[in-house]
């Protein structure tokens, strides 16, 4: 069995942002040489997410608006912020959007359904963060 690990480093310009990382994940699969297996893509920060969905601009804006309604930003809204932080909302948004995705690798390619793309979701940005890509298989 082969194993391949790659890390992406991202630094967003905004506090909340969605970045399509499909191409980087596809490139990692090609570098791995794995033809049949699994690809894990994992956000390595507790205020960021990795998820799969459609790369449609309106949908991404809908996610942002929806998340802001669920967990609005505000220093005085969350007990977590009493520790001196101001990112209680980002922790909740990450929980809703998920920590990681696992994608089948078939014939050396990501085995997606129609329209599926991999996204990094940032909820407490403007600093360097890391995404782990781990591919295993034959």
N, C-alpha and C. Protein backbone atom coordinates (compact mmCIF):
# COMPACT_ATOMS: atom_id res chain seq x y z
N UNK A 1 0.84 -1.18 0.00
CA UNK A 1 0.00 0.00 0.00
C UNK A 1 0.89 1.24 0.00
N UNK A 2 0.52 2.21 -0.82
CA UNK A 2 1.22 3.49 -0.87
C UNK A 2 0.56 4.48 0.08
N UNK A 3 1.38 5.42 0.53
CA UNK A 3 0.88 6.51 1.36
C UNK A 3 1.59 7.79 0.91
N UNK A 4 0.84 8.86 0.80
CA UNK A 4 1.41 10.14 0.37
C UNK A 4 0.78 11.25 1.21
N UNK A 5 1.60 12.18 1.68
CA UNK A 5 1.12 13.30 2.48
C UNK A 5 1.61 14.60 1.88
N UNK A 6 0.70 15.55 1.80
CA UNK A 6 1.06 16.89 1.34
C UNK A 6 0.32 17.89 2.21
N UNK A 7 0.90 19.07 2.38
CA UNK A 7 0.26 20.11 3.17
C UNK A 7 0.08 21.36 2.33
N UNK A 8 -1.07 21.98 2.46
CA UNK A 8 -1.34 23.27 1.83
C UNK A 8 -1.30 24.32 2.93
N UNK A 9 -0.76 25.46 2.61
CA UNK A 9 -0.76 26.58 3.55
C UNK A 9 -1.56 27.71 2.93
N UNK A 10 -2.52 28.21 3.67
CA UNK A 10 -3.41 29.25 3.19
C UNK A 10 -3.41 30.42 4.16
N UNK A 11 -3.50 31.62 3.62
CA UNK A 11 -3.59 32.82 4.44
C UNK A 11 -4.62 33.72 3.76
N UNK A 12 -5.82 33.75 4.29
CA UNK A 12 -6.90 34.49 3.64
C UNK A 12 -6.82 35.98 3.94
N UNK A 13 -7.34 36.74 3.01
CA UNK A 13 -7.38 38.20 3.17
C UNK A 13 -8.53 38.63 4.07
N UNK A 14 -9.57 37.78 4.16
CA UNK A 14 -10.76 38.11 4.93
C UNK A 14 -10.90 37.19 6.13
N UNK A 15 -11.71 37.61 7.08
CA UNK A 15 -12.00 36.79 8.25
C UNK A 15 -12.75 35.52 7.85
N UNK A 16 -13.72 35.66 6.93
CA UNK A 16 -14.48 34.51 6.45
C UNK A 16 -14.34 34.44 4.94
N UNK A 17 -13.92 33.26 4.45
CA UNK A 17 -13.68 33.11 3.02
C UNK A 17 -13.76 31.63 2.65
N UNK A 18 -14.19 31.35 1.41
CA UNK A 18 -14.20 30.00 0.88
C UNK A 18 -13.25 29.93 -0.31
N UNK A 19 -12.37 28.92 -0.29
CA UNK A 19 -11.38 28.78 -1.34
C UNK A 19 -11.53 27.40 -1.96
N UNK A 20 -11.67 27.34 -3.28
CA UNK A 20 -11.75 26.07 -3.99
C UNK A 20 -10.34 25.48 -4.06
N UNK A 21 -10.13 24.34 -3.43
CA UNK A 21 -8.81 23.69 -3.41
C UNK A 21 -8.81 22.39 -4.22
N UNK A 22 -9.81 22.21 -5.05
CA UNK A 22 -9.92 20.97 -5.84
C UNK A 22 -8.66 20.71 -6.65
N UNK A 23 -8.16 21.71 -7.35
CA UNK A 23 -6.99 21.52 -8.22
C UNK A 23 -5.78 21.05 -7.41
N UNK A 24 -5.55 21.63 -6.24
CA UNK A 24 -4.41 21.23 -5.41
C UNK A 24 -4.56 19.79 -4.93
N UNK A 25 -5.80 19.39 -4.61
CA UNK A 25 -6.04 18.01 -4.16
C UNK A 25 -5.83 17.05 -5.33
N UNK A 26 -6.34 17.40 -6.50
CA UNK A 26 -6.12 16.57 -7.70
C UNK A 26 -4.64 16.42 -8.01
N UNK A 27 -3.89 17.49 -7.88
CA UNK A 27 -2.44 17.45 -8.12
C UNK A 27 -1.75 16.51 -7.14
N UNK A 28 -2.17 16.54 -5.88
CA UNK A 28 -1.59 15.66 -4.87
C UNK A 28 -1.87 14.19 -5.20
N UNK A 29 -3.08 13.90 -5.67
CA UNK A 29 -3.43 12.52 -6.05
C UNK A 29 -2.51 12.06 -7.18
N UNK A 30 -2.31 12.89 -8.17
CA UNK A 30 -1.41 12.53 -9.28
C UNK A 30 0.01 12.27 -8.77
N UNK A 31 0.53 13.15 -7.90
CA UNK A 31 1.88 12.98 -7.35
C UNK A 31 1.99 11.70 -6.53
N UNK A 32 0.90 11.29 -5.89
CA UNK A 32 0.93 10.12 -5.01
C UNK A 32 1.14 8.82 -5.77
N UNK A 33 0.70 8.78 -7.02
CA UNK A 33 0.77 7.55 -7.79
C UNK A 33 -0.30 6.54 -7.43
N UNK A 34 -1.18 6.89 -6.49
CA UNK A 34 -2.26 5.98 -6.08
C UNK A 34 -3.33 5.95 -7.17
N UNK A 35 -3.68 4.73 -7.58
CA UNK A 35 -4.72 4.55 -8.61
C UNK A 35 -6.07 4.18 -7.99
N UNK A 36 -6.04 3.43 -6.90
CA UNK A 36 -7.26 3.00 -6.21
C UNK A 36 -7.04 3.19 -4.72
N UNK A 37 -7.84 4.04 -4.10
CA UNK A 37 -7.66 4.26 -2.67
C UNK A 37 -8.55 5.36 -2.13
N UNK A 38 -8.05 6.06 -1.13
CA UNK A 38 -8.80 7.11 -0.47
C UNK A 38 -7.93 8.34 -0.28
N UNK A 39 -8.57 9.49 -0.35
CA UNK A 39 -7.89 10.77 -0.15
C UNK A 39 -8.62 11.52 0.98
N UNK A 40 -7.89 11.78 2.05
CA UNK A 40 -8.39 12.57 3.17
C UNK A 40 -7.90 14.00 2.99
N UNK A 41 -8.81 14.95 3.13
CA UNK A 41 -8.44 16.37 3.11
C UNK A 41 -8.98 16.96 4.40
N UNK A 42 -8.07 17.48 5.23
CA UNK A 42 -8.41 17.82 6.60
C UNK A 42 -7.91 19.22 6.96
N UNK A 43 -8.80 20.02 7.49
CA UNK A 43 -8.40 21.31 8.03
C UNK A 43 -7.69 21.09 9.35
N UNK A 44 -6.53 21.67 9.51
CA UNK A 44 -5.72 21.46 10.70
C UNK A 44 -5.90 22.59 11.72
N UNK A 45 -7.02 23.31 11.62
CA UNK A 45 -7.29 24.40 12.55
C UNK A 45 -8.75 24.33 13.00
N UNK A 46 -9.00 24.68 14.25
CA UNK A 46 -10.33 24.52 14.82
C UNK A 46 -11.30 25.64 14.44
N UNK A 47 -10.85 26.56 13.62
CA UNK A 47 -11.74 27.62 13.14
C UNK A 47 -11.79 27.63 11.61
N UNK A 48 -11.50 26.49 10.99
CA UNK A 48 -11.55 26.35 9.54
C UNK A 48 -12.14 24.99 9.19
N UNK A 49 -12.61 24.85 7.97
CA UNK A 49 -13.34 23.67 7.54
C UNK A 49 -12.87 23.21 6.17
N UNK A 50 -13.12 21.95 5.87
CA UNK A 50 -13.00 21.43 4.51
C UNK A 50 -14.32 20.74 4.21
N UNK A 51 -14.89 21.03 3.05
CA UNK A 51 -16.18 20.45 2.69
C UNK A 51 -16.27 20.29 1.18
N UNK A 52 -17.25 19.52 0.74
CA UNK A 52 -17.49 19.30 -0.69
C UNK A 52 -18.85 19.86 -1.04
N UNK A 53 -18.88 20.64 -2.12
CA UNK A 53 -20.15 21.14 -2.63
C UNK A 53 -19.94 21.71 -4.03
N UNK A 54 -20.93 22.38 -4.53
CA UNK A 54 -20.93 22.98 -5.87
C UNK A 54 -20.12 24.27 -5.86
N UNK A 55 -19.39 24.51 -6.94
CA UNK A 55 -18.57 25.73 -7.07
C UNK A 55 -19.38 26.85 -7.71
N UNK A 56 -20.54 27.10 -7.20
CA UNK A 56 -21.42 28.14 -7.75
C UNK A 56 -21.38 29.34 -6.80
N UNK A 57 -21.05 30.51 -7.34
CA UNK A 57 -20.84 31.71 -6.54
C UNK A 57 -22.00 32.09 -5.64
N UNK A 58 -23.22 31.96 -6.13
CA UNK A 58 -24.38 32.29 -5.32
C UNK A 58 -24.50 31.37 -4.12
N UNK A 59 -24.21 30.08 -4.32
CA UNK A 59 -24.27 29.12 -3.22
C UNK A 59 -23.25 29.45 -2.14
N UNK A 60 -22.04 29.82 -2.55
CA UNK A 60 -21.02 30.18 -1.57
C UNK A 60 -21.43 31.42 -0.77
N UNK A 61 -22.06 32.38 -1.41
CA UNK A 61 -22.58 33.55 -0.69
C UNK A 61 -23.71 33.14 0.25
N UNK A 62 -24.54 32.18 -0.19
CA UNK A 62 -25.61 31.67 0.66
C UNK A 62 -25.03 31.00 1.92
N UNK A 63 -23.96 30.21 1.74
CA UNK A 63 -23.31 29.60 2.90
C UNK A 63 -22.87 30.66 3.89
N UNK A 64 -22.22 31.69 3.39
CA UNK A 64 -21.70 32.75 4.24
C UNK A 64 -22.83 33.43 5.02
N UNK A 65 -23.89 33.79 4.32
CA UNK A 65 -25.02 34.45 4.97
C UNK A 65 -25.71 33.53 5.97
N UNK A 66 -25.88 32.27 5.61
CA UNK A 66 -26.53 31.29 6.47
C UNK A 66 -25.73 31.08 7.75
N UNK A 67 -24.41 30.92 7.59
CA UNK A 67 -23.55 30.73 8.76
C UNK A 67 -23.57 31.95 9.68
N UNK A 68 -23.63 33.13 9.09
CA UNK A 68 -23.67 34.35 9.90
C UNK A 68 -24.98 34.45 10.68
N UNK A 69 -26.06 33.93 10.12
CA UNK A 69 -27.33 33.89 10.86
C UNK A 69 -27.27 32.86 11.99
N UNK A 70 -26.64 31.72 11.73
CA UNK A 70 -26.53 30.66 12.74
C UNK A 70 -25.62 31.07 13.89
N UNK A 71 -24.48 31.66 13.55
CA UNK A 71 -23.47 32.02 14.56
C UNK A 71 -22.87 33.37 14.20
N UNK A 72 -23.59 34.45 14.50
CA UNK A 72 -23.08 35.77 14.12
C UNK A 72 -21.82 36.14 14.90
N UNK A 73 -20.96 36.88 14.22
CA UNK A 73 -19.75 37.38 14.88
C UNK A 73 -20.16 38.39 15.96
N UNK A 74 -19.44 38.39 17.07
CA UNK A 74 -19.68 39.37 18.13
C UNK A 74 -18.90 38.99 19.37
N UNK A 75 -18.10 39.91 19.84
CA UNK A 75 -17.25 39.65 21.00
C UNK A 75 -18.04 39.32 22.25
N UNK A 76 -19.24 39.88 22.37
CA UNK A 76 -20.02 39.69 23.60
C UNK A 76 -21.08 38.59 23.46
N UNK A 77 -21.02 37.79 22.41
CA UNK A 77 -22.05 36.78 22.17
C UNK A 77 -21.72 35.39 22.72
N UNK A 78 -20.44 35.10 22.96
CA UNK A 78 -20.03 33.73 23.25
C UNK A 78 -19.18 33.66 24.51
N UNK A 79 -19.43 32.66 25.33
CA UNK A 79 -18.65 32.46 26.55
C UNK A 79 -17.17 32.22 26.20
N UNK A 80 -16.90 31.58 25.09
CA UNK A 80 -15.52 31.34 24.67
C UNK A 80 -14.74 32.65 24.58
N UNK A 81 -15.42 33.70 24.19
CA UNK A 81 -14.74 34.99 24.03
C UNK A 81 -14.32 35.61 25.36
N UNK A 82 -14.83 35.09 26.48
CA UNK A 82 -14.41 35.57 27.79
C UNK A 82 -12.95 35.20 28.09
N UNK A 83 -12.38 34.28 27.29
CA UNK A 83 -10.98 33.88 27.47
C UNK A 83 -10.03 34.89 26.85
N UNK A 84 -10.58 35.93 26.21
CA UNK A 84 -9.75 36.91 25.52
C UNK A 84 -9.80 36.75 24.01
N UNK A 85 -10.43 35.69 23.55
CA UNK A 85 -10.59 35.46 22.12
C UNK A 85 -11.80 36.25 21.61
N UNK A 86 -11.91 36.33 20.30
CA UNK A 86 -13.12 36.93 19.71
C UNK A 86 -13.67 36.04 18.59
N UNK A 87 -13.36 34.72 18.66
CA UNK A 87 -13.70 33.84 17.56
C UNK A 87 -14.64 32.69 17.93
N UNK A 88 -15.45 32.89 18.94
CA UNK A 88 -16.42 31.86 19.32
C UNK A 88 -17.30 31.46 18.15
N UNK A 89 -17.69 32.43 17.34
CA UNK A 89 -18.52 32.14 16.17
C UNK A 89 -17.79 31.23 15.18
N UNK A 90 -16.48 31.43 15.01
CA UNK A 90 -15.70 30.64 14.05
C UNK A 90 -15.66 29.17 14.44
N UNK A 91 -15.59 28.88 15.73
CA UNK A 91 -15.60 27.49 16.19
C UNK A 91 -16.93 26.82 15.86
N UNK A 92 -18.02 27.54 16.06
CA UNK A 92 -19.34 26.99 15.76
C UNK A 92 -19.53 26.79 14.25
N UNK A 93 -19.08 27.74 13.45
CA UNK A 93 -19.19 27.62 11.99
C UNK A 93 -18.41 26.42 11.48
N UNK A 94 -17.22 26.21 12.04
CA UNK A 94 -16.41 25.04 11.65
C UNK A 94 -17.14 23.74 11.97
N UNK A 95 -17.78 23.69 13.14
CA UNK A 95 -18.50 22.48 13.52
C UNK A 95 -19.62 22.18 12.54
N UNK A 96 -20.33 23.19 12.10
CA UNK A 96 -21.43 23.01 11.15
C UNK A 96 -20.92 22.55 9.78
N UNK A 97 -19.84 23.15 9.31
CA UNK A 97 -19.33 22.86 7.96
C UNK A 97 -18.43 21.63 7.90
N UNK A 98 -17.91 21.18 9.01
CA UNK A 98 -17.14 19.95 9.04
C UNK A 98 -15.64 20.14 9.04
N UNK A 99 -14.97 19.14 9.54
CA UNK A 99 -13.51 19.16 9.70
C UNK A 99 -12.78 18.66 8.47
N UNK A 100 -13.31 17.59 7.82
CA UNK A 100 -12.59 16.96 6.73
C UNK A 100 -13.54 16.27 5.77
N UNK A 101 -12.95 15.86 4.65
CA UNK A 101 -13.67 15.02 3.69
C UNK A 101 -12.77 13.85 3.31
N UNK A 102 -13.40 12.75 2.94
CA UNK A 102 -12.70 11.60 2.39
C UNK A 102 -13.30 11.35 1.02
N UNK A 103 -12.43 11.26 0.01
CA UNK A 103 -12.86 11.10 -1.37
C UNK A 103 -12.24 9.83 -1.93
N UNK A 104 -13.03 9.01 -2.59
CA UNK A 104 -12.50 7.82 -3.25
C UNK A 104 -11.59 8.23 -4.39
N UNK A 105 -10.52 7.46 -4.57
CA UNK A 105 -9.64 7.62 -5.73
C UNK A 105 -9.85 6.39 -6.60
N UNK A 106 -10.27 6.64 -7.84
CA UNK A 106 -10.55 5.57 -8.79
C UNK A 106 -9.84 5.87 -10.09
N UNK A 107 -9.04 4.95 -10.56
CA UNK A 107 -8.31 5.16 -11.80
C UNK A 107 -7.34 6.34 -11.73
N UNK A 108 -6.84 6.63 -10.53
CA UNK A 108 -5.88 7.72 -10.36
C UNK A 108 -6.50 9.11 -10.28
N UNK A 109 -7.84 9.19 -10.18
CA UNK A 109 -8.53 10.48 -10.11
C UNK A 109 -9.51 10.49 -8.94
N UNK A 110 -9.82 11.70 -8.47
CA UNK A 110 -10.85 11.84 -7.45
C UNK A 110 -12.18 11.40 -8.04
N UNK A 111 -12.91 10.60 -7.30
CA UNK A 111 -14.17 10.03 -7.78
C UNK A 111 -15.33 10.88 -7.27
N UNK A 112 -15.60 11.97 -7.99
CA UNK A 112 -16.64 12.92 -7.61
C UNK A 112 -17.96 12.63 -8.30
N UNK A 113 -19.04 13.09 -7.68
CA UNK A 113 -20.33 13.15 -8.33
C UNK A 113 -20.39 14.44 -9.14
N UNK A 114 -21.48 14.63 -9.88
CA UNK A 114 -21.62 15.84 -10.70
C UNK A 114 -21.50 17.10 -9.84
N UNK A 115 -20.72 18.05 -10.29
CA UNK A 115 -20.55 19.38 -9.72
C UNK A 115 -19.74 19.42 -8.44
N UNK A 116 -19.33 18.29 -7.91
CA UNK A 116 -18.62 18.30 -6.63
C UNK A 116 -17.22 18.89 -6.76
N UNK A 117 -16.88 19.72 -5.79
CA UNK A 117 -15.58 20.37 -5.67
C UNK A 117 -15.21 20.38 -4.20
N UNK A 118 -13.90 20.51 -3.90
CA UNK A 118 -13.42 20.56 -2.52
C UNK A 118 -13.14 22.01 -2.16
N UNK A 119 -13.64 22.42 -1.01
CA UNK A 119 -13.47 23.80 -0.54
C UNK A 119 -12.83 23.83 0.84
N UNK A 120 -12.02 24.86 1.03
CA UNK A 120 -11.51 25.23 2.34
C UNK A 120 -12.38 26.39 2.81
N UNK A 121 -12.94 26.26 3.99
CA UNK A 121 -13.75 27.33 4.57
C UNK A 121 -13.01 27.95 5.74
N UNK A 122 -12.76 29.22 5.66
CA UNK A 122 -12.05 29.96 6.71
C UNK A 122 -13.05 30.82 7.47
N UNK A 123 -13.01 30.76 8.80
CA UNK A 123 -13.95 31.50 9.62
C UNK A 123 -13.29 32.43 10.64
N UNK A 124 -11.96 32.42 10.68
CA UNK A 124 -11.20 33.30 11.56
C UNK A 124 -9.86 33.60 10.91
N UNK A 125 -9.92 34.21 9.74
CA UNK A 125 -8.77 34.31 8.86
C UNK A 125 -7.79 35.42 9.14
N UNK A 126 -7.03 35.69 8.09
CA UNK A 126 -5.97 36.70 8.06
C UNK A 126 -4.73 36.24 8.81
N UNK A 127 -4.50 34.94 8.80
CA UNK A 127 -3.25 34.38 9.30
C UNK A 127 -3.05 33.01 8.64
N UNK A 128 -1.82 32.53 8.67
CA UNK A 128 -1.45 31.29 8.00
C UNK A 128 -2.12 30.09 8.65
N UNK A 129 -2.75 29.26 7.80
CA UNK A 129 -3.39 28.03 8.28
C UNK A 129 -2.98 26.88 7.37
N UNK A 130 -3.22 25.65 7.84
CA UNK A 130 -2.72 24.46 7.15
C UNK A 130 -3.85 23.48 6.86
N UNK A 131 -3.75 22.84 5.69
CA UNK A 131 -4.66 21.77 5.28
C UNK A 131 -3.81 20.55 4.98
N UNK A 132 -4.19 19.41 5.54
CA UNK A 132 -3.50 18.14 5.33
C UNK A 132 -4.20 17.37 4.21
N UNK A 133 -3.41 16.86 3.27
CA UNK A 133 -3.92 15.94 2.25
C UNK A 133 -3.18 14.63 2.46
N UNK A 134 -3.92 13.56 2.71
CA UNK A 134 -3.34 12.24 2.96
C UNK A 134 -4.00 11.25 2.01
N UNK A 135 -3.19 10.58 1.20
CA UNK A 135 -3.70 9.65 0.20
C UNK A 135 -3.12 8.27 0.49
N UNK A 136 -3.99 7.27 0.54
CA UNK A 136 -3.54 5.90 0.74
C UNK A 136 -4.20 4.99 -0.29
N UNK A 137 -3.50 3.95 -0.69
CA UNK A 137 -4.06 2.99 -1.62
C UNK A 137 -2.99 2.33 -2.45
N UNK A 138 -3.40 1.75 -3.54
CA UNK A 138 -2.50 1.03 -4.46
C UNK A 138 -2.40 1.75 -5.77
